Amino acid sequence: MGQQPATDTDALPPLDPTPAERTEMIAVAAYYLAERRGFAPGGAEADWLHAEAQIERMLAGAHAAGVGAHALRALGLRNALRLWAG
């Protein structure tokens, strides 16, 4: 089965994570960054700060594009980060 195309209803409700959800998103993104650098020691703080910036850009980009919580969650955090990486 393929992914369903986005519909107008996917734009609602807006993605507005709680502080705990935002922290979890940052933690997951930091893990992906550490994974990408082979989990070499000494980069955890830089991974966290980079992940935090990525999540902020992703959330701002999703909000500006009218992407809702349902559509972004269906996409998955790793893929969403790739879309808004820059």
PDB file of N, CA and C in Angstrom:
ATOM      1  N   MET A   1       0.832  -1.185   0.000  1.00  0.00           N
ATOM      2  CA  MET A   1       0.000   0.000   0.000  1.00  0.00           C
ATOM      3  C   MET A   1       0.871   1.242   0.000  1.00  0.00           C
ATOM      4  N   GLY A   2       0.539   2.217  -0.824  1.00  0.00           N
ATOM      5  CA  GLY A   2       1.281   3.455  -0.890  1.00  0.00           C
ATOM      6  C   GLY A   2       0.727   4.485   0.066  1.00  0.00           C
ATOM      7  N   GLN A   3       1.454   5.599   0.187  1.00  0.00           N
ATOM      8  CA  GLN A   3       0.975   6.681   1.027  1.00  0.00           C
ATOM      9  C   GLN A   3      -0.205   7.356   0.380  1.00  0.00           C
ATOM     10  N   GLN A   4      -1.149   7.736   1.196  1.00  0.00           N
ATOM     11  CA  GLN A   4      -2.310   8.465   0.710  1.00  0.00           C
ATOM     12  C   GLN A   4      -1.906   9.898   0.392  1.00  0.00           C
ATOM     13  N   PRO A   5      -2.449  10.485  -0.665  1.00  0.00           N
ATOM     14  CA  PRO A   5      -2.125  11.873  -0.966  1.00  0.00           C
ATOM     15  C   PRO A   5      -2.680  12.794   0.114  1.00  0.00           C
ATOM     16  N   ALA A   6      -2.007  13.902   0.306  1.00  0.00           N
ATOM     17  CA  ALA A   6      -2.462  14.878   1.294  1.00  0.00           C
ATOM     18  C   ALA A   6      -3.780  15.485   0.854  1.00  0.00           C
ATOM     19  N   THR A   7      -4.609  15.755   1.811  1.00  0.00           N
ATOM     20  CA  THR A   7      -5.884  16.414   1.545  1.00  0.00           C
ATOM     21  C   THR A   7      -5.946  17.706   2.323  1.00  0.00           C
ATOM     22  N   ASP A   8      -6.963  18.522   2.025  1.00  0.00           N
ATOM     23  CA  ASP A   8      -7.138  19.776   2.736  1.00  0.00           C
ATOM     24  C   ASP A   8      -7.299  19.555   4.231  1.00  0.00           C
ATOM     25  N   THR A   9      -7.893  18.436   4.629  1.00  0.00           N
ATOM     26  CA  THR A   9      -8.091  18.181   6.047  1.00  0.00           C
ATOM     27  C   THR A   9      -6.783  17.856   6.749  1.00  0.00           C
ATOM     28  N   ASP A  10      -5.727  17.470   6.016  1.00  0.00           N
ATOM     29  CA  ASP A  10      -4.439  17.203   6.633  1.00  0.00           C
ATOM     30  C   ASP A  10      -3.808  18.481   7.181  1.00  0.00           C
ATOM     31  N   ALA A  11      -4.247  19.632   6.711  1.00  0.00           N
ATOM     32  CA  ALA A  11      -3.688  20.891   7.171  1.00  0.00           C
ATOM     33  C   ALA A  11      -4.215  21.257   8.554  1.00  0.00           C
ATOM     34  N   LEU A  12      -5.196  20.541   9.075  1.00  0.00           N
ATOM     35  CA  LEU A  12      -5.757  20.820  10.387  1.00  0.00           C
ATOM     36  C   LEU A  12      -5.627  19.596  11.259  1.00  0.00           C
ATOM     37  N   PRO A  13      -5.378  19.668  12.524  1.00  0.00           N
ATOM     38  CA  PRO A  13      -5.015  20.859  13.283  1.00  0.00           C
ATOM     39  C   PRO A  13      -3.552  21.227  13.039  1.00  0.00           C
ATOM     40  N   PRO A  14      -3.186  22.452  13.387  1.00  0.00           N
ATOM     41  CA  PRO A  14      -1.789  22.855  13.193  1.00  0.00           C
ATOM     42  C   PRO A  14      -0.869  22.067  14.111  1.00  0.00           C
ATOM     43  N   LEU A  15       0.366  21.943  13.708  1.00  0.00           N
ATOM     44  CA  LEU A  15       1.348  21.262  14.526  1.00  0.00           C
ATOM     45  C   LEU A  15       1.819  22.230  15.599  1.00  0.00           C
ATOM     46  N   ASP A  16       1.448  21.961  16.821  1.00  0.00           N
ATOM     47  CA  ASP A  16       1.824  22.797  17.958  1.00  0.00           C
ATOM     48  C   ASP A  16       2.209  21.872  19.104  1.00  0.00           C
ATOM     49  N   PRO A  17       3.436  21.342  19.065  1.00  0.00           N
ATOM     50  CA  PRO A  17       3.818  20.355  20.063  1.00  0.00           C
ATOM     51  C   PRO A  17       3.918  20.957  21.464  1.00  0.00           C
ATOM     52  N   THR A  18       3.640  20.131  22.452  1.00  0.00           N
ATOM     53  CA  THR A  18       3.848  20.529  23.836  1.00  0.00           C
ATOM     54  C   THR A  18       5.354  20.607  24.085  1.00  0.00           C
ATOM     55  N   PRO A  19       5.768  21.222  25.197  1.00  0.00           N
ATOM     56  CA  PRO A  19       7.208  21.235  25.496  1.00  0.00           C
ATOM     57  C   PRO A  19       7.799  19.827  25.560  1.00  0.00           C
ATOM     58  N   ALA A  20       7.062  18.877  26.128  1.00  0.00           N
ATOM     59  CA  ALA A  20       7.566  17.496  26.196  1.00  0.00           C
ATOM     60  C   ALA A  20       7.687  16.882  24.806  1.00  0.00           C
ATOM     61  N   GLU A  21       6.710  17.126  23.927  1.00  0.00           N
ATOM     62  CA  GLU A  21       6.771  16.602  22.558  1.00  0.00           C
ATOM     63  C   GLU A  21       7.930  17.229  21.794  1.00  0.00           C
ATOM     64  N   ARG A  22       8.138  18.526  21.980  1.00  0.00           N
ATOM     65  CA  ARG A  22       9.241  19.225  21.305  1.00  0.00           C
ATOM     66  C   ARG A  22      10.586  18.645  21.766  1.00  0.00           C
ATOM     67  N   THR A  23      10.720  18.416  23.078  1.00  0.00           N
ATOM     68  CA  THR A  23      11.957  17.836  23.607  1.00  0.00           C
ATOM     69  C   THR A  23      12.188  16.443  23.038  1.00  0.00           C
ATOM     70  N   GLU A  24      11.117  15.654  22.941  1.00  0.00           N
ATOM     71  CA  GLU A  24      11.247  14.317  22.364  1.00  0.00           C
ATOM     72  C   GLU A  24      11.662  14.391  20.893  1.00  0.00           C
ATOM     73  N   MET A  25      11.099  15.331  20.146  1.00  0.00           N
ATOM     74  CA  MET A  25      11.468  15.498  18.740  1.00  0.00           C
ATOM     75  C   MET A  25      12.950  15.854  18.617  1.00  0.00           C
ATOM     76  N   ILE A  26      13.413  16.742  19.499  1.00  0.00           N
ATOM     77  CA  ILE A  26      14.821  17.140  19.473  1.00  0.00           C
ATOM     78  C   ILE A  26      15.709  15.947  19.812  1.00  0.00           C
ATOM     79  N   ALA A  27      15.310  15.169  20.814  1.00  0.00           N
ATOM     80  CA  ALA A  27      16.095  13.999  21.210  1.00  0.00           C
ATOM     81  C   ALA A  27      16.200  12.995  20.070  1.00  0.00           C
ATOM     82  N   VAL A  28      15.102  12.758  19.367  1.00  0.00           N
ATOM     83  CA  VAL A  28      15.117  11.818  18.245  1.00  0.00           C
ATOM     84  C   VAL A  28      16.008  12.363  17.122  1.00  0.00           C
ATOM     85  N   ALA A  29      15.871  13.642  16.829  1.00  0.00           N
ATOM     86  CA  ALA A  29      16.702  14.245  15.778  1.00  0.00           C
ATOM     87  C   ALA A  29      18.176  14.195  16.166  1.00  0.00           C
ATOM     88  N   ALA A  30      18.498  14.428  17.448  1.00  0.00           N
ATOM     89  CA  ALA A  30      19.888  14.356  17.908  1.00  0.00           C
ATOM     90  C   ALA A  30      20.428  12.940  17.761  1.00  0.00           C
ATOM     91  N   TYR A  31      19.588  11.956  18.017  1.00  0.00           N
ATOM     92  CA  TYR A  31      19.996  10.565  17.822  1.00  0.00           C
ATOM     93  C   TYR A  31      20.347  10.318  16.353  1.00  0.00           C
ATOM     94  N   TYR A  32      19.504  10.796  15.443  1.00  0.00           N
ATOM     95  CA  TYR A  32      19.775  10.609  14.015  1.00  0.00           C
ATOM     96  C   TYR A  32      21.100  11.266  13.622  1.00  0.00           C
ATOM     97  N   LEU A  33      21.368  12.444  14.189  1.00  0.00           N
ATOM     98  CA  LEU A  33      22.628  13.121  13.893  1.00  0.00           C
ATOM     99  C   LEU A  33      23.819  12.321  14.429  1.00  0.00           C
ATOM    100  N   ALA A  34      23.696  11.802  15.653  1.00  0.00           N
ATOM    101  CA  ALA A  34      24.772  10.989  16.227  1.00  0.00           C
ATOM    102  C   ALA A  34      24.980   9.724  15.406  1.00  0.00           C
ATOM    103  N   GLU A  35      23.879   9.128  14.969  1.00  0.00           N
ATOM    104  CA  GLU A  35      23.963   7.929  14.129  1.00  0.00           C
ATOM    105  C   GLU A  35      24.718   8.230  12.838  1.00  0.00           C
ATOM    106  N   ARG A  36      24.418   9.381  12.254  1.00  0.00           N
ATOM    107  CA  ARG A  36      25.050   9.765  10.989  1.00  0.00           C
ATOM    108  C   ARG A  36      26.558   9.950  11.139  1.00  0.00           C
ATOM    109  N   ARG A  37      27.014  10.369  12.335  1.00  0.00           N
ATOM    110  CA  ARG A  37      28.458  10.557  12.541  1.00  0.00           C
ATOM    111  C   ARG A  37      29.085   9.350  13.218  1.00  0.00           C
ATOM    112  N   GLY A  38      28.364   8.209  13.221  1.00  0.00           N
ATOM    113  CA  GLY A  38      28.905   6.964  13.743  1.00  0.00           C
ATOM    114  C   GLY A  38      29.001   6.906  15.262  1.00  0.00           C
ATOM    115  N   PHE A  39      28.222   7.720  15.964  1.00  0.00           N
ATOM    116  CA  PHE A  39      28.209   7.756  17.431  1.00  0.00           C
ATOM    117  C   PHE A  39      29.585   8.011  18.032  1.00  0.00           C
ATOM    118  N   ALA A  40      30.416   8.747  17.306  1.00  0.00           N
ATOM    119  CA  ALA A  40      31.736   9.093  17.825  1.00  0.00           C
ATOM    120  C   ALA A  40      31.577   9.918  19.099  1.00  0.00           C
ATOM    121  N   PRO A  41      32.427   9.681  20.100  1.00  0.00           N
ATOM    122  CA  PRO A  41      32.297  10.422  21.355  1.00  0.00           C
ATOM    123  C   PRO A  41      32.619  11.901  21.180  1.00  0.00           C
ATOM    124  N   GLY A  42      32.041  12.704  22.080  1.00  0.00           N
ATOM    125  CA  GLY A  42      32.364  14.120  22.122  1.00  0.00           C
ATOM    126  C   GLY A  42      31.474  15.030  21.299  1.00  0.00           C
ATOM    127  N   GLY A  43      30.420  14.502  20.691  1.00  0.00           N
ATOM    128  CA  GLY A  43      29.594  15.364  19.858  1.00  0.00           C
ATOM    129  C   GLY A  43      28.161  15.501  20.313  1.00  0.00           C
ATOM    130  N   ALA A  44      27.843  15.013  21.507  1.00  0.00           N
ATOM    131  CA  ALA A  44      26.449  14.996  21.965  1.00  0.00           C
ATOM    132  C   ALA A  44      25.856  16.401  22.077  1.00  0.00           C
ATOM    133  N   GLU A  45      26.612  17.335  22.642  1.00  0.00           N
ATOM    134  CA  GLU A  45      26.085  18.692  22.806  1.00  0.00           C
ATOM    135  C   GLU A  45      25.858  19.356  21.446  1.00  0.00           C
ATOM    136  N   ALA A  46      26.801  19.199  20.547  1.00  0.00           N
ATOM    137  CA  ALA A  46      26.644  19.766  19.204  1.00  0.00           C
ATOM    138  C   ALA A  46      25.476  19.117  18.477  1.00  0.00           C
ATOM    139  N   ASP A  47      25.307  17.791  18.647  1.00  0.00           N
ATOM    140  CA  ASP A  47      24.162  17.105  18.040  1.00  0.00           C
ATOM    141  C   ASP A  47      22.857  17.695  18.556  1.00  0.00           C
ATOM    142  N   TRP A  48      22.775  17.902  19.875  1.00  0.00           N
ATOM    143  CA  TRP A  48      21.548  18.430  20.485  1.00  0.00           C
ATOM    144  C   TRP A  48      21.243  19.831  19.945  1.00  0.00           C
ATOM    145  N   LEU A  49      22.252  20.697  19.919  1.00  0.00           N
ATOM    146  CA  LEU A  49      22.030  22.062  19.447  1.00  0.00           C
ATOM    147  C   LEU A  49      21.636  22.095  17.973  1.00  0.00           C
ATOM    148  N   HIS A  50      22.282  21.257  17.174  1.00  0.00           N
ATOM    149  CA  HIS A  50      21.950  21.179  15.744  1.00  0.00           C
ATOM    150  C   HIS A  50      20.528  20.644  15.580  1.00  0.00           C
ATOM    151  N   ALA A  51      20.181  19.617  16.354  1.00  0.00           N
ATOM    152  CA  ALA A  51      18.837  19.036  16.287  1.00  0.00           C
ATOM    153  C   ALA A  51      17.787  20.057  16.692  1.00  0.00           C
ATOM    154  N   GLU A  52      18.071  20.818  17.730  1.00  0.00           N
ATOM    155  CA  GLU A  52      17.132  21.844  18.190  1.00  0.00           C
ATOM    156  C   GLU A  52      16.861  22.861  17.081  1.00  0.00           C
ATOM    157  N   ALA A  53      17.924  23.284  16.405  1.00  0.00           N
ATOM    158  CA  ALA A  53      17.766  24.231  15.295  1.00  0.00           C
ATOM    159  C   ALA A  53      16.989  23.598  14.143  1.00  0.00           C
ATOM    160  N   GLN A  54      17.276  22.323  13.843  1.00  0.00           N
ATOM    161  CA  GLN A  54      16.547  21.626  12.777  1.00  0.00           C
ATOM    162  C   GLN A  54      15.050  21.540  13.088  1.00  0.00           C
ATOM    163  N   ILE A  55      14.717  21.191  14.316  1.00  0.00           N
ATOM    164  CA  ILE A  55      13.317  21.058  14.703  1.00  0.00           C
ATOM    165  C   ILE A  55      12.619  22.406  14.606  1.00  0.00           C
ATOM    166  N   GLU A  56      13.265  23.461  15.063  1.00  0.00           N
ATOM    167  CA  GLU A  56      12.656  24.797  14.978  1.00  0.00           C
ATOM    168  C   GLU A  56      12.398  25.184  13.520  1.00  0.00           C
ATOM    169  N   ARG A  57      13.387  24.917  12.640  1.00  0.00           N
ATOM    170  CA  ARG A  57      13.192  25.220  11.211  1.00  0.00           C
ATOM    171  C   ARG A  57      12.069  24.374  10.626  1.00  0.00           C
ATOM    172  N   MET A  58      12.046  23.090  11.001  1.00  0.00           N
ATOM    173  CA  MET A  58      11.020  22.196  10.481  1.00  0.00           C
ATOM    174  C   MET A  58       9.632  22.659  10.912  1.00  0.00           C
ATOM    175  N   LEU A  59       9.470  22.983  12.190  1.00  0.00           N
ATOM    176  CA  LEU A  59       8.163  23.415  12.681  1.00  0.00           C
ATOM    177  C   LEU A  59       7.736  24.737  12.037  1.00  0.00           C
ATOM    178  N   ALA A  60       8.676  25.655  11.902  1.00  0.00           N
ATOM    179  CA  ALA A  60       8.361  26.936  11.252  1.00  0.00           C
ATOM    180  C   ALA A  60       7.992  26.723   9.789  1.00  0.00           C
ATOM    181  N   GLY A  61       8.740  25.858   9.102  1.00  0.00           N
ATOM    182  CA  GLY A  61       8.445  25.576   7.697  1.00  0.00           C
ATOM    183  C   GLY A  61       7.111  24.891   7.522  1.00  0.00           C
ATOM    184  N   ALA A  62       6.803  23.948   8.409  1.00  0.00           N
ATOM    185  CA  ALA A  62       5.520  23.252   8.339  1.00  0.00           C
ATOM    186  C   ALA A  62       4.380  24.221   8.590  1.00  0.00           C
ATOM    187  N   HIS A  63       4.558  25.091   9.578  1.00  0.00           N
ATOM    188  CA  HIS A  63       3.518  26.083   9.878  1.00  0.00           C
ATOM    189  C   HIS A  63       3.311  27.025   8.689  1.00  0.00           C
ATOM    190  N   ALA A  64       4.407  27.514   8.117  1.00  0.00           N
ATOM    191  CA  ALA A  64       4.313  28.438   6.983  1.00  0.00           C
ATOM    192  C   ALA A  64       3.665  27.781   5.770  1.00  0.00           C
ATOM    193  N   ALA A  65       3.902  26.485   5.591  1.00  0.00           N
ATOM    194  CA  ALA A  65       3.346  25.758   4.451  1.00  0.00           C
ATOM    195  C   ALA A  65       1.927  25.258   4.714  1.00  0.00           C
ATOM    196  N   GLY A  66       1.441  25.453   5.939  1.00  0.00           N
ATOM    197  CA  GLY A  66       0.106  24.989   6.272  1.00  0.00           C
ATOM    198  C   GLY A  66       0.014  23.491   6.490  1.00  0.00           C
ATOM    199  N   VAL A  67       1.149  22.866   6.792  1.00  0.00           N
ATOM    200  CA  VAL A  67       1.165  21.425   7.031  1.00  0.00           C
ATOM    201  C   VAL A  67       0.697  21.182   8.453  1.00  0.00           C
ATOM    202  N   GLY A  68      -0.272  20.313   8.585  1.00  0.00           N
ATOM    203  CA  GLY A  68      -0.834  20.032   9.889  1.00  0.00           C
ATOM    204  C   GLY A  68      -0.156  18.884  10.586  1.00  0.00           C
ATOM    205  N   ALA A  69      -0.556  18.676  11.832  1.00  0.00           N
ATOM    206  CA  ALA A  69       0.033  17.644  12.679  1.00  0.00           C
ATOM    207  C   ALA A  69      -0.123  16.263  12.062  1.00  0.00           C
ATOM    208  N   HIS A  70      -1.303  15.968  11.527  1.00  0.00           N
ATOM    209  CA  HIS A  70      -1.555  14.641  10.963  1.00  0.00           C
ATOM    210  C   HIS A  70      -0.614  14.350   9.790  1.00  0.00           C
ATOM    211  N   ALA A  71      -0.498  15.295   8.881  1.00  0.00           N
ATOM    212  CA  ALA A  71       0.342  15.096   7.702  1.00  0.00           C
ATOM    213  C   ALA A  71       1.811  14.964   8.084  1.00  0.00           C
ATOM    214  N   LEU A  72       2.273  15.783   9.023  1.00  0.00           N
ATOM    215  CA  LEU A  72       3.679  15.737   9.411  1.00  0.00           C
ATOM    216  C   LEU A  72       3.990  14.448  10.162  1.00  0.00           C
ATOM    217  N   ARG A  73       3.100  14.017  11.026  1.00  0.00           N
ATOM    218  CA  ARG A  73       3.324  12.760  11.747  1.00  0.00           C
ATOM    219  C   ARG A  73       3.297  11.570  10.788  1.00  0.00           C
ATOM    220  N   ALA A  74       2.436  11.626   9.790  1.00  0.00           N
ATOM    221  CA  ALA A  74       2.374  10.547   8.804  1.00  0.00           C
ATOM    222  C   ALA A  74       3.680  10.472   8.007  1.00  0.00           C
ATOM    223  N   LEU A  75       4.294  11.610   7.774  1.00  0.00           N
ATOM    224  CA  LEU A  75       5.555  11.675   7.041  1.00  0.00           C
ATOM    225  C   LEU A  75       6.692  11.061   7.852  1.00  0.00           C
ATOM    226  N   GLY A  76       6.668  11.265   9.151  1.00  0.00           N
ATOM    227  CA  GLY A  76       7.733  10.753  10.020  1.00  0.00           C
ATOM    228  C   GLY A  76       8.798  11.800  10.239  1.00  0.00           C
ATOM    229  N   LEU A  77       9.362  11.821  11.434  1.00  0.00           N
ATOM    230  CA  LEU A  77      10.316  12.865  11.798  1.00  0.00           C
ATOM    231  C   LEU A  77      11.567  12.853  10.933  1.00  0.00           C
ATOM    232  N   ARG A  78      12.118  11.683  10.652  1.00  0.00           N
ATOM    233  CA  ARG A  78      13.350  11.642   9.842  1.00  0.00           C
ATOM    234  C   ARG A  78      13.106  12.239   8.458  1.00  0.00           C
ATOM    235  N   ASN A  79      12.004  11.866   7.819  1.00  0.00           N
ATOM    236  CA  ASN A  79      11.693  12.404   6.491  1.00  0.00           C
ATOM    237  C   ASN A  79      11.333  13.878   6.561  1.00  0.00           C
ATOM    238  N   ALA A  80      10.621  14.275   7.591  1.00  0.00           N
ATOM    239  CA  ALA A  80      10.276  15.683   7.744  1.00  0.00           C
ATOM    240  C   ALA A  80      11.539  16.538   7.910  1.00  0.00           C
ATOM    241  N   LEU A  81      12.488  16.053   8.684  1.00  0.00           N
ATOM    242  CA  LEU A  81      13.733  16.790   8.852  1.00  0.00           C
ATOM    243  C   LEU A  81      14.476  16.931   7.534  1.00  0.00           C
ATOM    244  N   ARG A  82      14.432  15.910   6.701  1.00  0.00           N
ATOM    245  CA  ARG A  82      15.083  16.007   5.385  1.00  0.00           C
ATOM    246  C   ARG A  82      14.421  17.085   4.535  1.00  0.00           C
ATOM    247  N   LEU A  83      13.095  17.203   4.629  1.00  0.00           N
ATOM    248  CA  LEU A  83      12.386  18.204   3.845  1.00  0.00           C
ATOM    249  C   LEU A  83      12.766  19.623   4.254  1.00  0.00           C
ATOM    250  N   TRP A  84      12.886  19.851   5.562  1.00  0.00           N
ATOM    251  CA  TRP A  84      13.152  21.199   6.057  1.00  0.00           C
ATOM    252  C   TRP A  84      14.601  21.418   6.427  1.00  0.00           C
ATOM    253  N   ALA A  85      15.483  20.540   6.021  1.00  0.00           N
ATOM    254  CA  ALA A  85      16.912  20.747   6.297  1.00  0.00           C
ATOM    255  C   ALA A  85      17.413  21.872   5.398  1.00  0.00           C
ATOM    256  N   GLY A  86      18.203  22.680   5.925  1.00  0.00           N
ATOM    257  CA  GLY A  86      18.722  23.754   5.089  1.00  0.00           C
ATOM    258  C   GLY A  86      19.755  24.589   5.762  1.00  0.00           C
TER     259      GLY A  86
END
